[in-house]
PDB file of N, CA and C in Angstrom:
ATOM      1  N   MET A   1     -50.034 -23.692  -5.406  1.00  0.00           N
ATOM      2  CA  MET A   1     -48.707 -24.121  -5.780  1.00  0.00           C
ATOM      3  C   MET A   1     -47.858 -22.944  -6.239  1.00  0.00           C
ATOM      4  N   HIS A   2     -48.410 -22.038  -7.046  1.00  0.00           N
ATOM      5  CA  HIS A   2     -47.624 -20.916  -7.570  1.00  0.00           C
ATOM      6  C   HIS A   2     -48.099 -19.620  -6.935  1.00  0.00           C
ATOM      7  N   TRP A   3     -47.155 -18.795  -6.606  1.00  0.00           N
ATOM      8  CA  TRP A   3     -47.470 -17.599  -5.840  1.00  0.00           C
ATOM      9  C   TRP A   3     -47.765 -16.380  -6.691  1.00  0.00           C
ATOM     10  N   ASP A   4     -47.543 -16.454  -7.985  1.00  0.00           N
ATOM     11  CA  ASP A   4     -47.918 -15.310  -8.806  1.00  0.00           C
ATOM     12  C   ASP A   4     -48.417 -15.766 -10.181  1.00  0.00           C
ATOM     13  N   ARG A   5     -49.075 -14.855 -10.835  1.00  0.00           N
ATOM     14  CA  ARG A   5     -49.713 -15.162 -12.114  1.00  0.00           C
ATOM     15  C   ARG A   5     -48.700 -15.599 -13.172  1.00  0.00           C
ATOM     16  N   ASN A   6     -47.542 -14.939 -13.218  1.00  0.00           N
ATOM     17  CA  ASN A   6     -46.537 -15.299 -14.212  1.00  0.00           C
ATOM     18  C   ASN A   6     -46.025 -16.713 -14.000  1.00  0.00           C
ATOM     19  N   LYS A   7     -45.813 -17.103 -12.750  1.00  0.00           N
ATOM     20  CA  LYS A   7     -45.365 -18.467 -12.454  1.00  0.00           C
ATOM     21  C   LYS A   7     -46.438 -19.476 -12.850  1.00  0.00           C
ATOM     22  N   GLU A   8     -47.682 -19.128 -12.609  1.00  0.00           N
ATOM     23  CA  GLU A   8     -48.789 -20.016 -12.975  1.00  0.00           C
ATOM     24  C   GLU A   8     -48.873 -20.173 -14.497  1.00  0.00           C
ATOM     25  N   ARG A   9     -48.707 -19.083 -15.224  1.00  0.00           N
ATOM     26  CA  ARG A   9     -48.717 -19.142 -16.694  1.00  0.00           C
ATOM     27  C   ARG A   9     -47.561 -19.999 -17.203  1.00  0.00           C
ATOM     28  N   CYS A  10     -46.397 -19.776 -16.638  1.00  0.00           N
ATOM     29  CA  CYS A  10     -45.206 -20.538 -17.023  1.00  0.00           C
ATOM     30  C   CYS A  10     -45.432 -22.025 -16.779  1.00  0.00           C
ATOM     31  N   TYR A  11     -46.013 -22.362 -15.643  1.00  0.00           N
ATOM     32  CA  TYR A  11     -46.291 -23.754 -15.311  1.00  0.00           C
ATOM     33  C   TYR A  11     -47.312 -24.348 -16.290  1.00  0.00           C
ATOM     34  N   SER A  12     -48.345 -23.607 -16.594  1.00  0.00           N
ATOM     35  CA  SER A  12     -49.373 -24.099 -17.516  1.00  0.00           C
ATOM     36  C   SER A  12     -48.785 -24.395 -18.890  1.00  0.00           C
ATOM     37  N   LEU A  13     -47.930 -23.521 -19.370  1.00  0.00           N
ATOM     38  CA  LEU A  13     -47.293 -23.751 -20.663  1.00  0.00           C
ATOM     39  C   LEU A  13     -46.287 -24.908 -20.583  1.00  0.00           C
ATOM     40  N   ALA A  14     -45.616 -25.045 -19.448  1.00  0.00           N
ATOM     41  CA  ALA A  14     -44.683 -26.158 -19.259  1.00  0.00           C
ATOM     42  C   ALA A  14     -45.426 -27.494 -19.295  1.00  0.00           C
ATOM     43  N   LEU A  15     -46.637 -27.535 -18.769  1.00  0.00           N
ATOM     44  CA  LEU A  15     -47.447 -28.759 -18.840  1.00  0.00           C
ATOM     45  C   LEU A  15     -47.686 -29.151 -20.297  1.00  0.00           C
ATOM     46  N   LEU A  16     -47.997 -28.170 -21.128  1.00  0.00           N
ATOM     47  CA  LEU A  16     -48.226 -28.421 -22.544  1.00  0.00           C
ATOM     48  C   LEU A  16     -46.942 -28.926 -23.207  1.00  0.00           C
ATOM     49  N   VAL A  17     -45.835 -28.253 -22.954  1.00  0.00           N
ATOM     50  CA  VAL A  17     -44.554 -28.650 -23.538  1.00  0.00           C
ATOM     51  C   VAL A  17     -44.160 -30.048 -23.055  1.00  0.00           C
ATOM     52  N   ALA A  18     -44.349 -30.320 -21.775  1.00  0.00           N
ATOM     53  CA  ALA A  18     -44.023 -31.641 -21.226  1.00  0.00           C
ATOM     54  C   ALA A  18     -44.835 -32.731 -21.931  1.00  0.00           C
ATOM     55  N   GLU A  19     -46.098 -32.467 -22.147  1.00  0.00           N
ATOM     56  CA  GLU A  19     -46.949 -33.434 -22.847  1.00  0.00           C
ATOM     57  C   GLU A  19     -46.447 -33.669 -24.266  1.00  0.00           C
ATOM     58  N   LYS A  20     -46.091 -32.600 -24.950  1.00  0.00           N
ATOM     59  CA  LYS A  20     -45.605 -32.710 -26.331  1.00  0.00           C
ATOM     60  C   LYS A  20     -44.285 -33.474 -26.394  1.00  0.00           C
ATOM     61  N   ILE A  21     -43.383 -33.246 -25.432  1.00  0.00           N
ATOM     62  CA  ILE A  21     -42.106 -33.967 -25.392  1.00  0.00           C
ATOM     63  C   ILE A  21     -42.352 -35.456 -25.173  1.00  0.00           C
ATOM     64  N   SER A  22     -43.272 -35.792 -24.291  1.00  0.00           N
ATOM     65  CA  SER A  22     -43.584 -37.202 -24.040  1.00  0.00           C
ATOM     66  C   SER A  22     -44.187 -37.865 -25.278  1.00  0.00           C
ATOM     67  N   GLN A  23     -45.000 -37.129 -26.004  1.00  0.00           N
ATOM     68  CA  GLN A  23     -45.655 -37.670 -27.195  1.00  0.00           C
ATOM     69  C   GLN A  23     -44.718 -37.728 -28.400  1.00  0.00           C
ATOM     70  N   ASN A  24     -43.778 -36.788 -28.467  1.00  0.00           N
ATOM     71  CA  ASN A  24     -42.909 -36.675 -29.636  1.00  0.00           C
ATOM     72  C   ASN A  24     -41.470 -36.423 -29.193  1.00  0.00           C
ATOM     73  N   PRO A  25     -40.725 -37.476 -28.879  1.00  0.00           N
ATOM     74  CA  PRO A  25     -39.351 -37.319 -28.394  1.00  0.00           C
ATOM     75  C   PRO A  25     -38.427 -36.572 -29.360  1.00  0.00           C
ATOM     76  N   ALA A  26     -38.794 -36.489 -30.632  1.00  0.00           N
ATOM     77  CA  ALA A  26     -37.963 -35.743 -31.590  1.00  0.00           C
ATOM     78  C   ALA A  26     -37.852 -34.269 -31.205  1.00  0.00           C
ATOM     79  N   LEU A  27     -38.778 -33.777 -30.402  1.00  0.00           N
ATOM     80  CA  LEU A  27     -38.720 -32.380 -29.964  1.00  0.00           C
ATOM     81  C   LEU A  27     -37.503 -32.095 -29.087  1.00  0.00           C
ATOM     82  N   ILE A  28     -36.948 -33.137 -28.486  1.00  0.00           N
ATOM     83  CA  ILE A  28     -35.760 -32.947 -27.650  1.00  0.00           C
ATOM     84  C   ILE A  28     -34.614 -32.386 -28.492  1.00  0.00           C
ATOM     85  N   ALA A  29     -34.502 -32.854 -29.722  1.00  0.00           N
ATOM     86  CA  ALA A  29     -33.465 -32.333 -30.625  1.00  0.00           C
ATOM     87  C   ALA A  29     -33.678 -30.847 -30.892  1.00  0.00           C
ATOM     88  N   GLU A  30     -34.935 -30.415 -30.956  1.00  0.00           N
ATOM     89  CA  GLU A  30     -35.224 -28.986 -31.143  1.00  0.00           C
ATOM     90  C   GLU A  30     -34.705 -28.178 -29.952  1.00  0.00           C
ATOM     91  N   GLY A  31     -34.909 -28.707 -28.757  1.00  0.00           N
ATOM     92  CA  GLY A  31     -34.406 -28.036 -27.559  1.00  0.00           C
ATOM     93  C   GLY A  31     -32.891 -27.934 -27.564  1.00  0.00           C
ATOM     94  N   ARG A  32     -32.224 -29.011 -27.974  1.00  0.00           N
ATOM     95  CA  ARG A  32     -30.757 -28.991 -28.060  1.00  0.00           C
ATOM     96  C   ARG A  32     -30.280 -27.954 -29.066  1.00  0.00           C
ATOM     97  N   ARG A  33     -30.935 -27.926 -30.228  1.00  0.00           N
ATOM     98  CA  ARG A  33     -30.548 -26.942 -31.258  1.00  0.00           C
ATOM     99  C   ARG A  33     -30.724 -25.519 -30.735  1.00  0.00           C
ATOM    100  N   TYR A  34     -31.821 -25.287 -30.036  1.00  0.00           N
ATOM    101  CA  TYR A  34     -32.061 -23.964 -29.465  1.00  0.00           C
ATOM    102  C   TYR A  34     -30.939 -23.592 -28.490  1.00  0.00           C
ATOM    103  N   LEU A  35     -30.616 -24.513 -27.600  1.00  0.00           N
ATOM    104  CA  LEU A  35     -29.552 -24.257 -26.622  1.00  0.00           C
ATOM    105  C   LEU A  35     -28.222 -23.982 -27.313  1.00  0.00           C
ATOM    106  N   ASP A  36     -27.908 -24.765 -28.322  1.00  0.00           N
ATOM    107  CA  ASP A  36     -26.643 -24.571 -29.030  1.00  0.00           C
ATOM    108  C   ASP A  36     -26.602 -23.229 -29.766  1.00  0.00           C
ATOM    109  N   ARG A  37     -27.714 -22.821 -30.338  1.00  0.00           N
ATOM    110  CA  ARG A  37     -27.764 -21.557 -31.086  1.00  0.00           C
ATOM    111  C   ARG A  37     -27.793 -20.331 -30.195  1.00  0.00           C
ATOM    112  N   HIS A  38     -28.550 -20.396 -29.100  1.00  0.00           N
ATOM    113  CA  HIS A  38     -28.849 -19.184 -28.343  1.00  0.00           C
ATOM    114  C   HIS A  38     -28.242 -19.109 -26.946  1.00  0.00           C
ATOM    115  N   VAL A  39     -27.736 -20.214 -26.425  1.00  0.00           N
ATOM    116  CA  VAL A  39     -27.282 -20.219 -25.034  1.00  0.00           C
ATOM    117  C   VAL A  39     -25.804 -20.599 -24.908  1.00  0.00           C
ATOM    118  N   ARG A  40     -25.374 -21.594 -25.647  1.00  0.00           N
ATOM    119  CA  ARG A  40     -23.989 -22.077 -25.550  1.00  0.00           C
ATOM    120  C   ARG A  40     -22.999 -20.943 -25.842  1.00  0.00           C
ATOM    121  N   GLY A  41     -21.974 -20.897 -25.027  1.00  0.00           N
ATOM    122  CA  GLY A  41     -20.926 -19.912 -25.227  1.00  0.00           C
ATOM    123  C   GLY A  41     -21.173 -18.569 -24.568  1.00  0.00           C
ATOM    124  N   LYS A  42     -22.325 -18.377 -23.990  1.00  0.00           N
ATOM    125  CA  LYS A  42     -22.629 -17.133 -23.284  1.00  0.00           C
ATOM    126  C   LYS A  42     -22.350 -17.366 -21.802  1.00  0.00           C
ATOM    127  N   SER A  43     -21.371 -16.671 -21.272  1.00  0.00           N
ATOM    128  CA  SER A  43     -20.901 -16.968 -19.911  1.00  0.00           C
ATOM    129  C   SER A  43     -22.007 -16.872 -18.867  1.00  0.00           C
ATOM    130  N   ALA A  44     -22.879 -15.896 -18.978  1.00  0.00           N
ATOM    131  CA  ALA A  44     -23.951 -15.748 -17.994  1.00  0.00           C
ATOM    132  C   ALA A  44     -24.957 -16.895 -18.078  1.00  0.00           C
ATOM    133  N   GLN A  45     -25.041 -17.523 -19.236  1.00  0.00           N
ATOM    134  CA  GLN A  45     -26.012 -18.599 -19.454  1.00  0.00           C
ATOM    135  C   GLN A  45     -25.412 -19.995 -19.278  1.00  0.00           C
ATOM    136  N   GLN A  46     -24.111 -20.089 -19.078  1.00  0.00           N
ATOM    137  CA  GLN A  46     -23.427 -21.380 -19.025  1.00  0.00           C
ATOM    138  C   GLN A  46     -24.003 -22.361 -17.994  1.00  0.00           C
ATOM    139  N   PRO A  47     -24.312 -21.912 -16.772  1.00  0.00           N
ATOM    140  CA  PRO A  47     -24.883 -22.874 -15.806  1.00  0.00           C
ATOM    141  C   PRO A  47     -26.204 -23.473 -16.296  1.00  0.00           C
ATOM    142  N   TYR A  48     -27.014 -22.680 -16.985  1.00  0.00           N
ATOM    143  CA  TYR A  48     -28.302 -23.161 -17.479  1.00  0.00           C
ATOM    144  C   TYR A  48     -28.100 -24.098 -18.673  1.00  0.00           C
ATOM    145  N   TYR A  49     -27.140 -23.762 -19.501  1.00  0.00           N
ATOM    146  CA  TYR A  49     -26.807 -24.624 -20.634  1.00  0.00           C
ATOM    147  C   TYR A  49     -26.382 -26.003 -20.115  1.00  0.00           C
ATOM    148  N   GLU A  50     -25.487 -26.020 -19.151  1.00  0.00           N
ATOM    149  CA  GLU A  50     -25.008 -27.283 -18.600  1.00  0.00           C
ATOM    150  C   GLU A  50     -26.125 -28.069 -17.918  1.00  0.00           C
ATOM    151  N   LEU A  51     -26.966 -27.379 -17.164  1.00  0.00           N
ATOM    152  CA  LEU A  51     -28.105 -28.035 -16.518  1.00  0.00           C
ATOM    153  C   LEU A  51     -28.997 -28.692 -17.563  1.00  0.00           C
ATOM    154  N   TRP A  52     -29.371 -27.931 -18.581  1.00  0.00           N
ATOM    155  CA  TRP A  52     -30.272 -28.460 -19.589  1.00  0.00           C
ATOM    156  C   TRP A  52     -29.643 -29.584 -20.395  1.00  0.00           C
ATOM    157  N   MET A  53     -28.357 -29.490 -20.694  1.00  0.00           N
ATOM    158  CA  MET A  53     -27.722 -30.563 -21.455  1.00  0.00           C
ATOM    159  C   MET A  53     -27.748 -31.871 -20.666  1.00  0.00           C
ATOM    160  N   LYS A  54     -27.605 -31.801 -19.354  1.00  0.00           N
ATOM    161  CA  LYS A  54     -27.712 -33.005 -18.515  1.00  0.00           C
ATOM    162  C   LYS A  54     -29.149 -33.525 -18.501  1.00  0.00           C
ATOM    163  N   VAL A  55     -30.102 -32.621 -18.368  1.00  0.00           N
ATOM    164  CA  VAL A  55     -31.513 -33.027 -18.346  1.00  0.00           C
ATOM    165  C   VAL A  55     -31.893 -33.674 -19.673  1.00  0.00           C
ATOM    166  N   LEU A  56     -31.375 -33.159 -20.770  1.00  0.00           N
ATOM    167  CA  LEU A  56     -31.738 -33.688 -22.086  1.00  0.00           C
ATOM    168  C   LEU A  56     -31.160 -35.076 -22.360  1.00  0.00           C
ATOM    169  N   GLU A  57     -30.316 -35.567 -21.488  1.00  0.00           N
ATOM    170  CA  GLU A  57     -29.818 -36.938 -21.609  1.00  0.00           C
ATOM    171  C   GLU A  57     -30.829 -37.948 -21.049  1.00  0.00           C
ATOM    172  N   LEU A  58     -31.830 -37.471 -20.334  1.00  0.00           N
ATOM    173  CA  LEU A  58     -32.844 -38.334 -19.726  1.00  0.00           C
ATOM    174  C   LEU A  58     -33.859 -38.784 -20.767  1.00  0.00           C
ATOM    175  N   THR A  59     -34.731 -39.689 -20.375  1.00  0.00           N
ATOM    176  CA  THR A  59     -35.807 -40.119 -21.275  1.00  0.00           C
ATOM    177  C   THR A  59     -36.812 -38.977 -21.446  1.00  0.00           C
ATOM    178  N   PRO A  60     -37.595 -39.007 -22.505  1.00  0.00           N
ATOM    179  CA  PRO A  60     -38.608 -37.960 -22.694  1.00  0.00           C
ATOM    180  C   PRO A  60     -39.545 -37.807 -21.492  1.00  0.00           C
ATOM    181  N   ASP A  61     -39.990 -38.916 -20.922  1.00  0.00           N
ATOM    182  CA  ASP A  61     -40.889 -38.834 -19.773  1.00  0.00           C
ATOM    183  C   ASP A  61     -40.192 -38.247 -18.544  1.00  0.00           C
ATOM    184  N   GLU A  62     -38.911 -38.564 -18.372  1.00  0.00           N
ATOM    185  CA  GLU A  62     -38.160 -37.982 -17.252  1.00  0.00           C
ATOM    186  C   GLU A  62     -37.962 -36.484 -17.449  1.00  0.00           C
ATOM    187  N   ILE A  63     -37.690 -36.075 -18.673  1.00  0.00           N
ATOM    188  CA  ILE A  63     -37.543 -34.639 -18.968  1.00  0.00           C
ATOM    189  C   ILE A  63     -38.855 -33.929 -18.645  1.00  0.00           C
ATOM    190  N   ALA A  64     -39.948 -34.495 -19.134  1.00  0.00           N
ATOM    191  CA  ALA A  64     -41.261 -33.898 -18.898  1.00  0.00           C
ATOM    192  C   ALA A  64     -41.558 -33.790 -17.407  1.00  0.00           C
ATOM    193  N   SER A  65     -41.267 -34.854 -16.684  1.00  0.00           N
ATOM    194  CA  SER A  65     -41.515 -34.872 -15.238  1.00  0.00           C
ATOM    195  C   SER A  65     -40.686 -33.812 -14.515  1.00  0.00           C
ATOM    196  N   ARG A  66     -39.432 -33.689 -14.859  1.00  0.00           N
ATOM    197  CA  ARG A  66     -38.569 -32.696 -14.205  1.00  0.00           C
ATOM    198  C   ARG A  66     -39.022 -31.279 -14.535  1.00  0.00           C
ATOM    199  N   LEU A  67     -39.490 -31.068 -15.761  1.00  0.00           N
ATOM    200  CA  LEU A  67     -39.926 -29.733 -16.177  1.00  0.00           C
ATOM    201  C   LEU A  67     -41.116 -29.242 -15.367  1.00  0.00           C
ATOM    202  N   VAL A  68     -41.997 -30.131 -14.970  1.00  0.00           N
ATOM    203  CA  VAL A  68     -43.205 -29.715 -14.250  1.00  0.00           C
ATOM    204  C   VAL A  68     -43.151 -30.047 -12.760  1.00  0.00           C
ATOM    205  N   ALA A  69     -42.002 -30.482 -12.291  1.00  0.00           N
ATOM    206  CA  ALA A  69     -41.870 -30.829 -10.871  1.00  0.00           C
ATOM    207  C   ALA A  69     -42.062 -29.599  -9.984  1.00  0.00           C
ATOM    208  N   ASP A  70     -42.710 -29.800  -8.859  1.00  0.00           N
ATOM    209  CA  ASP A  70     -42.923 -28.732  -7.879  1.00  0.00           C
ATOM    210  C   ASP A  70     -41.703 -28.670  -6.953  1.00  0.00           C
ATOM    211  N   THR A  71     -40.573 -28.327  -7.565  1.00  0.00           N
ATOM    212  CA  THR A  71     -39.303 -28.249  -6.853  1.00  0.00           C
ATOM    213  C   THR A  71     -38.565 -26.994  -7.306  1.00  0.00           C
ATOM    214  N   ALA A  72     -37.501 -26.669  -6.594  1.00  0.00           N
ATOM    215  CA  ALA A  72     -36.672 -25.530  -7.011  1.00  0.00           C
ATOM    216  C   ALA A  72     -36.068 -25.794  -8.389  1.00  0.00           C
ATOM    217  N   GLU A  73     -35.643 -27.041  -8.627  1.00  0.00           N
ATOM    218  CA  GLU A  73     -35.102 -27.353  -9.944  1.00  0.00           C
ATOM    219  C   GLU A  73     -36.173 -27.227 -11.027  1.00  0.00           C
ATOM    220  N   GLY A  74     -37.383 -27.701 -10.745  1.00  0.00           N
ATOM    221  CA  GLY A  74     -38.465 -27.581 -11.717  1.00  0.00           C
ATOM    222  C   GLY A  74     -38.730 -26.133 -12.077  1.00  0.00           C
ATOM    223  N   ALA A  75     -38.745 -25.266 -11.072  1.00  0.00           N
ATOM    224  CA  ALA A  75     -38.961 -23.836 -11.327  1.00  0.00           C
ATOM    225  C   ALA A  75     -37.830 -23.264 -12.175  1.00  0.00           C
ATOM    226  N   LEU A  76     -36.589 -23.659 -11.877  1.00  0.00           N
ATOM    227  CA  LEU A  76     -35.443 -23.187 -12.650  1.00  0.00           C
ATOM    228  C   LEU A  76     -35.519 -23.693 -14.094  1.00  0.00           C
ATOM    229  N   LEU A  77     -35.905 -24.939 -14.273  1.00  0.00           N
ATOM    230  CA  LEU A  77     -36.050 -25.472 -15.626  1.00  0.00           C
ATOM    231  C   LEU A  77     -37.121 -24.722 -16.402  1.00  0.00           C
ATOM    232  N   ARG A  78     -38.217 -24.421 -15.752  1.00  0.00           N
ATOM    233  CA  ARG A  78     -39.274 -23.656 -16.437  1.00  0.00           C
ATOM    234  C   ARG A  78     -38.797 -22.252 -16.789  1.00  0.00           C
ATOM    235  N   ASP A  79     -38.032 -21.642 -15.899  1.00  0.00           N
ATOM    236  CA  ASP A  79     -37.553 -20.278 -16.139  1.00  0.00           C
ATOM    237  C   ASP A  79     -36.490 -20.206 -17.229  1.00  0.00           C
ATOM    238  N   THR A  80     -35.798 -21.316 -17.489  1.00  0.00           N
ATOM    239  CA  THR A  80     -34.694 -21.316 -18.448  1.00  0.00           C
ATOM    240  C   THR A  80     -34.946 -22.259 -19.619  1.00  0.00           C
ATOM    241  N   CYS A  81     -36.167 -22.661 -19.793  1.00  0.00           N
ATOM    242  CA  CYS A  81     -36.533 -23.683 -20.776  1.00  0.00           C
ATOM    243  C   CYS A  81     -36.198 -23.255 -22.205  1.00  0.00           C
ATOM    244  N   PRO A  82     -35.507 -24.151 -22.929  1.00  0.00           N
ATOM    245  CA  PRO A  82     -35.300 -23.872 -24.348  1.00  0.00           C
ATOM    246  C   PRO A  82     -36.613 -24.058 -25.103  1.00  0.00           C
ATOM    247  N   VAL A  83     -36.633 -23.614 -26.329  1.00  0.00           N
ATOM    248  CA  VAL A  83     -37.826 -23.781 -27.147  1.00  0.00           C
ATOM    249  C   VAL A  83     -37.795 -25.171 -27.767  1.00  0.00           C
ATOM    250  N   PHE A  84     -38.698 -26.016 -27.298  1.00  0.00           N
ATOM    251  CA  PHE A  84     -38.866 -27.351 -27.851  1.00  0.00           C
ATOM    252  C   PHE A  84     -39.970 -27.339 -28.895  1.00  0.00           C
ATOM    253  N   TYR A  85     -40.942 -26.506 -28.629  1.00  0.00           N
ATOM    254  CA  TYR A  85     -42.196 -26.562 -29.368  1.00  0.00           C
ATOM    255  C   TYR A  85     -42.870 -25.206 -29.220  1.00  0.00           C
ATOM    256  N   VAL A  86     -43.387 -24.680 -30.314  1.00  0.00           N
ATOM    257  CA  VAL A  86     -44.116 -23.409 -30.267  1.00  0.00           C
ATOM    258  C   VAL A  86     -45.594 -23.733 -30.407  1.00  0.00           C
ATOM    259  N   PRO A  87     -46.340 -23.565 -29.311  1.00  0.00           N
ATOM    260  CA  PRO A  87     -47.768 -23.887 -29.381  1.00  0.00           C
ATOM    261  C   PRO A  87     -48.515 -22.918 -30.287  1.00  0.00           C
ATOM    262  N   SER A  88     -49.556 -23.433 -30.904  1.00  0.00           N
ATOM    263  CA  SER A  88     -50.427 -22.569 -31.710  1.00  0.00           C
ATOM    264  C   SER A  88     -51.167 -21.613 -30.773  1.00  0.00           C
ATOM    265  N   HIS A  89     -51.766 -20.614 -31.348  1.00  0.00           N
ATOM    266  CA  HIS A  89     -52.552 -19.658 -30.568  1.00  0.00           C
ATOM    267  C   HIS A  89     -53.639 -20.388 -29.775  1.00  0.00           C
ATOM    268  N   THR A  90     -54.299 -21.324 -30.428  1.00  0.00           N
ATOM    269  CA  THR A  90     -55.372 -22.077 -29.779  1.00  0.00           C
ATOM    270  C   THR A  90     -54.836 -22.930 -28.633  1.00  0.00           C
ATOM    271  N   GLU A  91     -53.730 -23.636 -28.868  1.00  0.00           N
ATOM    272  CA  GLU A  91     -53.143 -24.467 -27.806  1.00  0.00           C
ATOM    273  C   GLU A  91     -52.703 -23.618 -26.622  1.00  0.00           C
ATOM    274  N   ARG A  92     -52.093 -22.497 -26.921  1.00  0.00           N
ATOM    275  CA  ARG A  92     -51.629 -21.594 -25.860  1.00  0.00           C
ATOM    276  C   ARG A  92     -52.809 -21.091 -25.026  1.00  0.00           C
ATOM    277  N   ALA A  93     -53.847 -20.660 -25.698  1.00  0.00           N
ATOM    278  CA  ALA A  93     -55.029 -20.156 -24.992  1.00  0.00           C
ATOM    279  C   ALA A  93     -55.659 -21.249 -24.141  1.00  0.00           C
ATOM    280  N   MET A  94     -55.741 -22.448 -24.697  1.00  0.00           N
ATOM    281  CA  MET A  94     -56.329 -23.553 -23.931  1.00  0.00           C
ATOM    282  C   MET A  94     -55.456 -23.897 -22.729  1.00  0.00           C
ATOM    283  N   ALA A  95     -54.142 -23.899 -22.910  1.00  0.00           N
ATOM    284  CA  ALA A  95     -53.230 -24.204 -21.803  1.00  0.00           C
ATOM    285  C   ALA A  95     -53.355 -23.167 -20.694  1.00  0.00           C
ATOM    286  N   LEU A  96     -53.627 -21.946 -21.079  1.00  0.00           N
ATOM    287  CA  LEU A  96     -53.745 -20.873 -20.094  1.00  0.00           C
ATOM    288  C   LEU A  96     -55.169 -20.726 -19.573  1.00  0.00           C
ATOM    289  N   GLY A  97     -56.056 -21.604 -20.031  1.00  0.00           N
ATOM    290  CA  GLY A  97     -57.420 -21.620 -19.507  1.00  0.00           C
ATOM    291  C   GLY A  97     -58.305 -20.493 -20.000  1.00  0.00           C
ATOM    292  N   ARG A  98     -58.018 -19.995 -21.191  1.00  0.00           N
ATOM    293  CA  ARG A  98     -58.823 -18.923 -21.750  1.00  0.00           C
ATOM    294  C   ARG A  98     -59.554 -19.395 -22.980  1.00  0.00           C
ATOM    295  N   ARG A  99     -60.662 -18.752 -23.212  1.00  0.00           N
ATOM    296  CA  ARG A  99     -61.350 -18.982 -24.480  1.00  0.00           C
ATOM    297  C   ARG A  99     -60.601 -18.185 -25.538  1.00  0.00           C
ATOM    298  N   ILE A 100     -60.637 -18.664 -26.753  1.00  0.00           N
ATOM    299  CA  ILE A 100     -59.951 -17.999 -27.855  1.00  0.00           C
ATOM    300  C   ILE A 100     -60.443 -16.557 -28.020  1.00  0.00           C
ATOM    301  N   ALA A 101     -61.711 -16.328 -27.875  1.00  0.00           N
ATOM    302  CA  ALA A 101     -62.267 -14.984 -28.033  1.00  0.00           C
ATOM    303  C   ALA A 101     -61.752 -14.009 -26.986  1.00  0.00           C
ATOM    304  N   ASP A 102     -61.282 -14.508 -25.843  1.00  0.00           N
ATOM    305  CA  ASP A 102     -60.782 -13.654 -24.778  1.00  0.00           C
ATOM    306  C   ASP A 102     -59.345 -13.216 -24.981  1.00  0.00           C
ATOM    307  N   THR A 103     -58.627 -13.820 -25.914  1.00  0.00           N
ATOM    308  CA  THR A 103     -57.202 -13.533 -26.074  1.00  0.00           C
ATOM    309  C   THR A 103     -56.934 -12.435 -27.060  1.00  0.00           C
TER     310      THR A 103
END
């Protein structure tokens, strides 16, 4: 599905974030706050801000599904994803398929 290691890592972490959004819809507000603080008003980032603001109007499960979709939009969402949730070291390592001792 992914042609390089970085894309595969990004996808693996997106799976974790998608799961967390589905389990805890309050995280969507965190994503909005991130976008408002770090992306809104920056001309180069405006298309991504607008895209994400539209996506964030969807249900948590729809957001999660779009984030991990094997589509051009899914890849763009992963590449421009706001911070919804910061995984712990252990969660990150598990999502990336590594043992903790290897990281």
